[in-house]
Amino acid sequence: MTQQSNSGDRKPRGKGPKRPRKPKVDPFSIGELEITDYKDVKMLRRFVSDTGKILPRRRTGLSTKHQRRIAQTIKIARQLALLPYTEKLVRK
């Protein structure tokens, strides 16, 4: 008795309906935001996760140039204690 593989007969599992994704727009290139200073903590918090990590480009929608600049600005703000390196981790 030989076993037949059903790999050709299977349908790929879908994770739900496919919706077209809205392309992310770089807020710095359209003029919505300006990377002016490391002192603008409110603007910098937008690019930091709730645990204190710098968000990646795929999540923020920034261009490579602006992502590098934001990362450097966040690091300067951290050194001057304007932004925390990490948020307090609460374990349950």
PDB file of N, CA and C in Angstrom:
ATOM      1  N   MET A   1       0.834  -1.176   0.000  1.00  0.00           N
ATOM      2  CA  MET A   1       0.000   0.000   0.000  1.00  0.00           C
ATOM      3  C   MET A   1       0.886   1.249   0.000  1.00  0.00           C
ATOM      4  N   THR A   2       0.713   2.095  -0.944  1.00  0.00           N
ATOM      5  CA  THR A   2       1.515   3.303  -1.037  1.00  0.00           C
ATOM      6  C   THR A   2       0.700   4.500  -0.570  1.00  0.00           C
ATOM      7  N   GLN A   3       1.396   5.418   0.071  1.00  0.00           N
ATOM      8  CA  GLN A   3       0.720   6.632   0.536  1.00  0.00           C
ATOM      9  C   GLN A   3       0.888   7.723  -0.498  1.00  0.00           C
ATOM     10  N   GLN A   4      -0.183   8.380  -0.785  1.00  0.00           N
ATOM     11  CA  GLN A   4      -0.116   9.488  -1.725  1.00  0.00           C
ATOM     12  C   GLN A   4      -0.073  10.786  -0.946  1.00  0.00           C
ATOM     13  N   SER A   5       0.769  11.654  -1.379  1.00  0.00           N
ATOM     14  CA  SER A   5       0.832  12.944  -0.703  1.00  0.00           C
ATOM     15  C   SER A   5      -0.228  13.866  -1.292  1.00  0.00           C
ATOM     16  N   ASN A   6      -0.880  14.542  -0.424  1.00  0.00           N
ATOM     17  CA  ASN A   6      -1.936  15.456  -0.849  1.00  0.00           C
ATOM     18  C   ASN A   6      -1.430  16.879  -0.985  1.00  0.00           C
ATOM     19  N   SER A   7      -0.135  17.041  -1.073  1.00  0.00           N
ATOM     20  CA  SER A   7       0.413  18.394  -1.104  1.00  0.00           C
ATOM     21  C   SER A   7      -0.051  19.174  -2.331  1.00  0.00           C
ATOM     22  N   GLY A   8      -0.303  18.491  -3.432  1.00  0.00           N
ATOM     23  CA  GLY A   8      -0.769  19.179  -4.627  1.00  0.00           C
ATOM     24  C   GLY A   8      -2.258  19.471  -4.584  1.00  0.00           C
ATOM     25  N   ASP A   9      -2.977  18.730  -3.722  1.00  0.00           N
ATOM     26  CA  ASP A   9      -4.421  18.881  -3.665  1.00  0.00           C
ATOM     27  C   ASP A   9      -4.880  19.892  -2.620  1.00  0.00           C
ATOM     28  N   ARG A  10      -4.001  20.250  -1.716  1.00  0.00           N
ATOM     29  CA  ARG A  10      -4.385  21.142  -0.621  1.00  0.00           C
ATOM     30  C   ARG A  10      -4.519  22.586  -1.087  1.00  0.00           C
ATOM     31  N   LYS A  11      -5.443  23.257  -0.461  1.00  0.00           N
ATOM     32  CA  LYS A  11      -5.574  24.693  -0.694  1.00  0.00           C
ATOM     33  C   LYS A  11      -4.767  25.416   0.379  1.00  0.00           C
ATOM     34  N   PRO A  12      -4.107  26.490   0.037  1.00  0.00           N
ATOM     35  CA  PRO A  12      -3.378  27.224   1.081  1.00  0.00           C
ATOM     36  C   PRO A  12      -4.365  27.855   2.058  1.00  0.00           C
ATOM     37  N   ARG A  13      -4.008  27.800   3.314  1.00  0.00           N
ATOM     38  CA  ARG A  13      -4.878  28.386   4.325  1.00  0.00           C
ATOM     39  C   ARG A  13      -4.807  29.901   4.250  1.00  0.00           C
ATOM     40  N   GLY A  14      -5.951  30.500   4.241  1.00  0.00           N
ATOM     41  CA  GLY A  14      -6.011  31.954   4.241  1.00  0.00           C
ATOM     42  C   GLY A  14      -6.146  32.469   5.661  1.00  0.00           C
ATOM     43  N   LYS A  15      -5.625  33.620   5.908  1.00  0.00           N
ATOM     44  CA  LYS A  15      -5.720  34.225   7.234  1.00  0.00           C
ATOM     45  C   LYS A  15      -6.873  35.214   7.297  1.00  0.00           C
ATOM     46  N   GLY A  16      -7.729  35.149   6.334  1.00  0.00           N
ATOM     47  CA  GLY A  16      -8.857  36.063   6.313  1.00  0.00           C
ATOM     48  C   GLY A  16      -8.909  36.766   4.974  1.00  0.00           C
ATOM     49  N   PRO A  17      -9.844  37.672   4.844  1.00  0.00           N
ATOM     50  CA  PRO A  17      -9.954  38.378   3.557  1.00  0.00           C
ATOM     51  C   PRO A  17      -8.757  39.290   3.318  1.00  0.00           C
ATOM     52  N   LYS A  18      -8.281  39.265   2.089  1.00  0.00           N
ATOM     53  CA  LYS A  18      -7.143  40.110   1.730  1.00  0.00           C
ATOM     54  C   LYS A  18      -7.642  41.521   1.456  1.00  0.00           C
ATOM     55  N   ARG A  19      -7.139  42.448   2.211  1.00  0.00           N
ATOM     56  CA  ARG A  19      -7.493  43.846   2.001  1.00  0.00           C
ATOM     57  C   ARG A  19      -6.261  44.577   1.505  1.00  0.00           C
ATOM     58  N   PRO A  20      -6.421  45.442   0.562  1.00  0.00           N
ATOM     59  CA  PRO A  20      -5.259  46.212   0.120  1.00  0.00           C
ATOM     60  C   PRO A  20      -4.785  47.127   1.240  1.00  0.00           C
ATOM     61  N   ARG A  21      -3.489  47.136   1.440  1.00  0.00           N
ATOM     62  CA  ARG A  21      -2.933  47.961   2.512  1.00  0.00           C
ATOM     63  C   ARG A  21      -2.765  49.395   2.046  1.00  0.00           C
ATOM     64  N   LYS A  22      -3.024  50.290   2.962  1.00  0.00           N
ATOM     65  CA  LYS A  22      -2.830  51.703   2.689  1.00  0.00           C
ATOM     66  C   LYS A  22      -1.334  51.990   2.812  1.00  0.00           C
ATOM     67  N   PRO A  23      -0.722  52.548   1.782  1.00  0.00           N
ATOM     68  CA  PRO A  23       0.722  52.804   1.873  1.00  0.00           C
ATOM     69  C   PRO A  23       1.019  53.856   2.939  1.00  0.00           C
ATOM     70  N   LYS A  24       2.084  53.615   3.697  1.00  0.00           N
ATOM     71  CA  LYS A  24       2.466  54.568   4.737  1.00  0.00           C
ATOM     72  C   LYS A  24       3.199  55.730   4.099  1.00  0.00           C
ATOM     73  N   VAL A  25       2.929  56.895   4.611  1.00  0.00           N
ATOM     74  CA  VAL A  25       3.519  58.115   4.061  1.00  0.00           C
ATOM     75  C   VAL A  25       4.474  58.692   5.095  1.00  0.00           C
ATOM     76  N   ASP A  26       5.651  59.064   4.651  1.00  0.00           N
ATOM     77  CA  ASP A  26       6.657  59.662   5.517  1.00  0.00           C
ATOM     78  C   ASP A  26       6.198  61.060   5.925  1.00  0.00           C
ATOM     79  N   PRO A  27       5.908  61.276   7.224  1.00  0.00           N
ATOM     80  CA  PRO A  27       5.409  62.591   7.648  1.00  0.00           C
ATOM     81  C   PRO A  27       6.439  63.714   7.498  1.00  0.00           C
ATOM     82  N   PHE A  28       7.715  63.352   7.439  1.00  0.00           N
ATOM     83  CA  PHE A  28       8.742  64.388   7.277  1.00  0.00           C
ATOM     84  C   PHE A  28       8.851  64.849   5.831  1.00  0.00           C
ATOM     85  N   SER A  29       8.633  63.930   4.895  1.00  0.00           N
ATOM     86  CA  SER A  29       8.771  64.309   3.488  1.00  0.00           C
ATOM     87  C   SER A  29       7.584  65.135   2.999  1.00  0.00           C
ATOM     88  N   ILE A  30       6.403  64.956   3.614  1.00  0.00           N
ATOM     89  CA  ILE A  30       5.257  65.754   3.191  1.00  0.00           C
ATOM     90  C   ILE A  30       5.136  67.052   3.980  1.00  0.00           C
ATOM     91  N   GLY A  31       6.015  67.235   4.949  1.00  0.00           N
ATOM     92  CA  GLY A  31       6.035  68.494   5.698  1.00  0.00           C
ATOM     93  C   GLY A  31       5.148  68.508   6.924  1.00  0.00           C
ATOM     94  N   GLU A  32       4.596  67.359   7.304  1.00  0.00           N
ATOM     95  CA  GLU A  32       3.737  67.297   8.482  1.00  0.00           C
ATOM     96  C   GLU A  32       4.544  67.476   9.764  1.00  0.00           C
ATOM     97  N   LEU A  33       5.731  66.883   9.805  1.00  0.00           N
ATOM     98  CA  LEU A  33       6.611  66.969  10.971  1.00  0.00           C
ATOM     99  C   LEU A  33       7.986  67.473  10.549  1.00  0.00           C
ATOM    100  N   GLU A  34       8.702  68.005  11.505  1.00  0.00           N
ATOM    101  CA  GLU A  34      10.072  68.449  11.269  1.00  0.00           C
ATOM    102  C   GLU A  34      10.973  67.846  12.340  1.00  0.00           C
ATOM    103  N   ILE A  35      12.114  67.313  11.919  1.00  0.00           N
ATOM    104  CA  ILE A  35      13.119  66.868  12.886  1.00  0.00           C
ATOM    105  C   ILE A  35      13.935  68.108  13.207  1.00  0.00           C
ATOM    106  N   THR A  36      13.499  68.808  14.203  1.00  0.00           N
ATOM    107  CA  THR A  36      14.189  70.046  14.527  1.00  0.00           C
ATOM    108  C   THR A  36      15.195  69.848  15.642  1.00  0.00           C
ATOM    109  N   ASP A  37      14.779  69.164  16.689  1.00  0.00           N
ATOM    110  CA  ASP A  37      15.606  69.153  17.872  1.00  0.00           C
ATOM    111  C   ASP A  37      15.371  67.904  18.699  1.00  0.00           C
ATOM    112  N   TYR A  38      16.331  67.557  19.500  1.00  0.00           N
ATOM    113  CA  TYR A  38      16.192  66.446  20.434  1.00  0.00           C
ATOM    114  C   TYR A  38      15.318  66.840  21.609  1.00  0.00           C
ATOM    115  N   LYS A  39      15.032  68.137  21.756  1.00  0.00           N
ATOM    116  CA  LYS A  39      14.228  68.613  22.889  1.00  0.00           C
ATOM    117  C   LYS A  39      12.735  68.415  22.680  1.00  0.00           C
ATOM    118  N   ASP A  40      12.322  68.118  21.458  1.00  0.00           N
ATOM    119  CA  ASP A  40      10.904  67.926  21.156  1.00  0.00           C
ATOM    120  C   ASP A  40      10.507  66.493  21.516  1.00  0.00           C
ATOM    121  N   VAL A  41      10.331  66.245  22.811  1.00  0.00           N
ATOM    122  CA  VAL A  41      10.094  64.900  23.321  1.00  0.00           C
ATOM    123  C   VAL A  41       8.735  64.374  22.871  1.00  0.00           C
ATOM    124  N   LYS A  42       7.756  65.242  22.761  1.00  0.00           N
ATOM    125  CA  LYS A  42       6.412  64.806  22.355  1.00  0.00           C
ATOM    126  C   LYS A  42       6.454  64.193  20.950  1.00  0.00           C
ATOM    127  N   MET A  43       7.195  64.801  20.049  1.00  0.00           N
ATOM    128  CA  MET A  43       7.313  64.280  18.688  1.00  0.00           C
ATOM    129  C   MET A  43       8.127  62.976  18.678  1.00  0.00           C
ATOM    130  N   LEU A  44       9.174  62.905  19.494  1.00  0.00           N
ATOM    131  CA  LEU A  44      10.031  61.719  19.519  1.00  0.00           C
ATOM    132  C   LEU A  44       9.309  60.509  20.105  1.00  0.00           C
ATOM    133  N   ARG A  45       8.408  60.733  21.041  1.00  0.00           N
ATOM    134  CA  ARG A  45       7.665  59.622  21.656  1.00  0.00           C
ATOM    135  C   ARG A  45       6.814  58.877  20.629  1.00  0.00           C
ATOM    136  N   ARG A  46       6.467  59.537  19.552  1.00  0.00           N
ATOM    137  CA  ARG A  46       5.682  58.930  18.494  1.00  0.00           C
ATOM    138  C   ARG A  46       6.446  57.782  17.813  1.00  0.00           C
ATOM    139  N   PHE A  47       7.771  57.819  17.868  1.00  0.00           N
ATOM    140  CA  PHE A  47       8.617  56.837  17.200  1.00  0.00           C
ATOM    141  C   PHE A  47       9.271  55.867  18.172  1.00  0.00           C
ATOM    142  N   VAL A  48       8.777  55.840  19.421  1.00  0.00           N
ATOM    143  CA  VAL A  48       9.293  54.938  20.444  1.00  0.00           C
ATOM    144  C   VAL A  48       8.129  54.083  20.929  1.00  0.00           C
ATOM    145  N   SER A  49       8.358  52.776  21.089  1.00  0.00           N
ATOM    146  CA  SER A  49       7.290  51.879  21.543  1.00  0.00           C
ATOM    147  C   SER A  49       7.001  52.111  23.024  1.00  0.00           C
ATOM    148  N   ASP A  50       5.967  51.448  23.520  1.00  0.00           N
ATOM    149  CA  ASP A  50       5.611  51.605  24.923  1.00  0.00           C
ATOM    150  C   ASP A  50       6.647  50.983  25.853  1.00  0.00           C
ATOM    151  N   THR A  51       7.499  50.104  25.332  1.00  0.00           N
ATOM    152  CA  THR A  51       8.578  49.542  26.149  1.00  0.00           C
ATOM    153  C   THR A  51       9.872  50.343  26.018  1.00  0.00           C
ATOM    154  N   GLY A  52       9.887  51.361  25.168  1.00  0.00           N
ATOM    155  CA  GLY A  52      11.055  52.217  25.053  1.00  0.00           C
ATOM    156  C   GLY A  52      11.927  51.949  23.849  1.00  0.00           C
ATOM    157  N   LYS A  53      11.535  51.002  22.991  1.00  0.00           N
ATOM    158  CA  LYS A  53      12.355  50.681  21.816  1.00  0.00           C
ATOM    159  C   LYS A  53      12.026  51.625  20.662  1.00  0.00           C
ATOM    160  N   ILE A  54      13.014  51.879  19.826  1.00  0.00           N
ATOM    161  CA  ILE A  54      12.797  52.681  18.620  1.00  0.00           C
ATOM    162  C   ILE A  54      12.043  51.816  17.617  1.00  0.00           C
ATOM    163  N   LEU A  55      10.944  52.346  17.090  1.00  0.00           N
ATOM    164  CA  LEU A  55      10.118  51.582  16.160  1.00  0.00           C
ATOM    165  C   LEU A  55      10.817  51.436  14.812  1.00  0.00           C
ATOM    166  N   PRO A  56      10.634  50.299  14.126  1.00  0.00           N
ATOM    167  CA  PRO A  56      11.279  50.082  12.828  1.00  0.00           C
ATOM    168  C   PRO A  56      10.597  50.857  11.710  1.00  0.00           C
ATOM    169  N   ARG A  57      11.275  50.958  10.580  1.00  0.00           N
ATOM    170  CA  ARG A  57      10.764  51.690   9.416  1.00  0.00           C
ATOM    171  C   ARG A  57       9.449  51.130   8.911  1.00  0.00           C
ATOM    172  N   ARG A  58       9.314  49.824   8.913  1.00  0.00           N
ATOM    173  CA  ARG A  58       8.081  49.225   8.381  1.00  0.00           C
ATOM    174  C   ARG A  58       6.872  49.597   9.225  1.00  0.00           C
ATOM    175  N   ARG A  59       7.103  49.963  10.471  1.00  0.00           N
ATOM    176  CA  ARG A  59       6.004  50.356  11.357  1.00  0.00           C
ATOM    177  C   ARG A  59       5.742  51.858  11.301  1.00  0.00           C
ATOM    178  N   THR A  60       6.793  52.657  11.172  1.00  0.00           N
ATOM    179  CA  THR A  60       6.624  54.107  11.185  1.00  0.00           C
ATOM    180  C   THR A  60       6.351  54.675   9.806  1.00  0.00           C
ATOM    181  N   GLY A  61       6.842  54.002   8.755  1.00  0.00           N
ATOM    182  CA  GLY A  61       6.636  54.495   7.404  1.00  0.00           C
ATOM    183  C   GLY A  61       7.628  55.563   6.993  1.00  0.00           C
ATOM    184  N   LEU A  62       8.710  55.721   7.745  1.00  0.00           N
ATOM    185  CA  LEU A  62       9.719  56.733   7.427  1.00  0.00           C
ATOM    186  C   LEU A  62      10.638  56.260   6.312  1.00  0.00           C
ATOM    187  N   SER A  63      11.250  57.219   5.651  1.00  0.00           N
ATOM    188  CA  SER A  63      12.273  56.879   4.667  1.00  0.00           C
ATOM    189  C   SER A  63      13.544  56.497   5.425  1.00  0.00           C
ATOM    190  N   THR A  64      14.476  55.897   4.715  1.00  0.00           N
ATOM    191  CA  THR A  64      15.716  55.452   5.355  1.00  0.00           C
ATOM    192  C   THR A  64      16.467  56.626   5.978  1.00  0.00           C
ATOM    193  N   LYS A  65      16.543  57.701   5.242  1.00  0.00           N
ATOM    194  CA  LYS A  65      17.257  58.892   5.709  1.00  0.00           C
ATOM    195  C   LYS A  65      16.632  59.446   6.994  1.00  0.00           C
ATOM    196  N   HIS A  66      15.316  59.549   7.007  1.00  0.00           N
ATOM    197  CA  HIS A  66      14.639  60.106   8.169  1.00  0.00           C
ATOM    198  C   HIS A  66      14.652  59.137   9.351  1.00  0.00           C
ATOM    199  N   GLN A  67      14.616  57.828   9.079  1.00  0.00           N
ATOM    200  CA  GLN A  67      14.679  56.848  10.163  1.00  0.00           C
ATOM    201  C   GLN A  67      16.025  56.921  10.882  1.00  0.00           C
ATOM    202  N   ARG A  68      17.111  57.054  10.112  1.00  0.00           N
ATOM    203  CA  ARG A  68      18.438  57.178  10.735  1.00  0.00           C
ATOM    204  C   ARG A  68      18.526  58.445  11.572  1.00  0.00           C
ATOM    205  N   ARG A  69      17.959  59.522  11.048  1.00  0.00           N
ATOM    206  CA  ARG A  69      18.011  60.797  11.758  1.00  0.00           C
ATOM    207  C   ARG A  69      17.179  60.761  13.042  1.00  0.00           C
ATOM    208  N   ILE A  70      16.010  60.134  12.971  1.00  0.00           N
ATOM    209  CA  ILE A  70      15.160  59.996  14.158  1.00  0.00           C
ATOM    210  C   ILE A  70      15.858  59.144  15.209  1.00  0.00           C
ATOM    211  N   ALA A  71      16.495  58.053  14.779  1.00  0.00           N
ATOM    212  CA  ALA A  71      17.187  57.167  15.720  1.00  0.00           C
ATOM    213  C   ALA A  71      18.299  57.918  16.445  1.00  0.00           C
ATOM    214  N   GLN A  72      19.075  58.694  15.706  1.00  0.00           N
ATOM    215  CA  GLN A  72      20.157  59.479  16.331  1.00  0.00           C
ATOM    216  C   GLN A  72      19.588  60.510  17.294  1.00  0.00           C
ATOM    217  N   THR A  73      18.497  61.167  16.912  1.00  0.00           N
ATOM    218  CA  THR A  73      17.885  62.183  17.760  1.00  0.00           C
ATOM    219  C   THR A  73      17.339  61.556  19.040  1.00  0.00           C
ATOM    220  N   ILE A  74      16.731  60.376  18.925  1.00  0.00           N
ATOM    221  CA  ILE A  74      16.213  59.679  20.111  1.00  0.00           C
ATOM    222  C   ILE A  74      17.359  59.292  21.036  1.00  0.00           C
ATOM    223  N   LYS A  75      18.467  58.832  20.459  1.00  0.00           N
ATOM    224  CA  LYS A  75      19.613  58.432  21.277  1.00  0.00           C
ATOM    225  C   LYS A  75      20.216  59.627  22.021  1.00  0.00           C
ATOM    226  N   ILE A  76      20.261  60.784  21.378  1.00  0.00           N
ATOM    227  CA  ILE A  76      20.762  61.989  22.044  1.00  0.00           C
ATOM    228  C   ILE A  76      19.826  62.371  23.188  1.00  0.00           C
ATOM    229  N   ALA A  77      18.502  62.307  22.928  1.00  0.00           N
ATOM    230  CA  ALA A  77      17.522  62.644  23.967  1.00  0.00           C
ATOM    231  C   ALA A  77      17.626  61.672  25.143  1.00  0.00           C
ATOM    232  N   ARG A  78      17.944  60.417  24.869  1.00  0.00           N
ATOM    233  CA  ARG A  78      18.110  59.446  25.948  1.00  0.00           C
ATOM    234  C   ARG A  78      19.326  59.776  26.801  1.00  0.00           C
ATOM    235  N   GLN A  79      20.421  60.161  26.151  1.00  0.00           N
ATOM    236  CA  GLN A  79      21.632  60.484  26.906  1.00  0.00           C
ATOM    237  C   GLN A  79      21.428  61.687  27.810  1.00  0.00           C
ATOM    238  N   LEU A  80      20.579  62.605  27.387  1.00  0.00           N
ATOM    239  CA  LEU A  80      20.309  63.793  28.194  1.00  0.00           C
ATOM    240  C   LEU A  80      19.125  63.578  29.146  1.00  0.00           C
ATOM    241  N   ALA A  81      18.660  62.336  29.252  1.00  0.00           N
ATOM    242  CA  ALA A  81      17.581  61.940  30.158  1.00  0.00           C
ATOM    243  C   ALA A  81      16.259  62.620  29.839  1.00  0.00           C
ATOM    244  N   LEU A  82      16.045  62.961  28.573  1.00  0.00           N
ATOM    245  CA  LEU A  82      14.750  63.495  28.162  1.00  0.00           C
ATOM    246  C   LEU A  82      13.795  62.352  27.822  1.00  0.00           C
ATOM    247  N   LEU A  83      14.355  61.242  27.341  1.00  0.00           N
ATOM    248  CA  LEU A  83      13.593  60.028  27.055  1.00  0.00           C
ATOM    249  C   LEU A  83      14.217  58.884  27.852  1.00  0.00           C
ATOM    250  N   PRO A  84      13.403  57.951  28.320  1.00  0.00           N
ATOM    251  CA  PRO A  84      13.978  56.809  29.037  1.00  0.00           C
ATOM    252  C   PRO A  84      14.552  55.780  28.050  1.00  0.00           C
ATOM    253  N   TYR A  85      15.535  55.033  28.523  1.00  0.00           N
ATOM    254  CA  TYR A  85      16.079  53.952  27.702  1.00  0.00           C
ATOM    255  C   TYR A  85      15.064  52.822  27.602  1.00  0.00           C
ATOM    256  N   THR A  86      14.417  52.504  28.720  1.00  0.00           N
ATOM    257  CA  THR A  86      13.352  51.502  28.734  1.00  0.00           C
ATOM    258  C   THR A  86      12.267  51.986  29.678  1.00  0.00           C
ATOM    259  N   GLU A  87      11.066  51.513  29.435  1.00  0.00           N
ATOM    260  CA  GLU A  87       9.982  51.776  30.364  1.00  0.00           C
ATOM    261  C   GLU A  87      10.033  50.704  31.441  1.00  0.00           C
ATOM    262  N   LYS A  88       9.432  50.998  32.559  1.00  0.00           N
ATOM    263  CA  LYS A  88       9.431  50.015  33.630  1.00  0.00           C
ATOM    264  C   LYS A  88       8.600  48.819  33.197  1.00  0.00           C
ATOM    265  N   LEU A  89       9.202  47.635  33.240  1.00  0.00           N
ATOM    266  CA  LEU A  89       8.530  46.414  32.838  1.00  0.00           C
ATOM    267  C   LEU A  89       7.795  45.828  34.029  1.00  0.00           C
ATOM    268  N   VAL A  90       6.499  45.678  33.894  1.00  0.00           N
ATOM    269  CA  VAL A  90       5.695  45.127  34.966  1.00  0.00           C
ATOM    270  C   VAL A  90       5.306  43.715  34.584  1.00  0.00           C
ATOM    271  N   ARG A  91       5.736  42.745  35.359  1.00  0.00           N
ATOM    272  CA  ARG A  91       5.398  41.347  35.097  1.00  0.00           C
ATOM    273  C   ARG A  91       4.199  40.960  35.937  1.00  0.00           C
ATOM    274  N   LYS A  92       3.339  40.191  35.312  1.00  0.00           N
ATOM    275  CA  LYS A  92       2.118  39.769  36.040  1.00  0.00           C
ATOM    276  C   LYS A  92       2.223  38.328  36.458  1.00  0.00           C
TER     277      LYS A  92
END
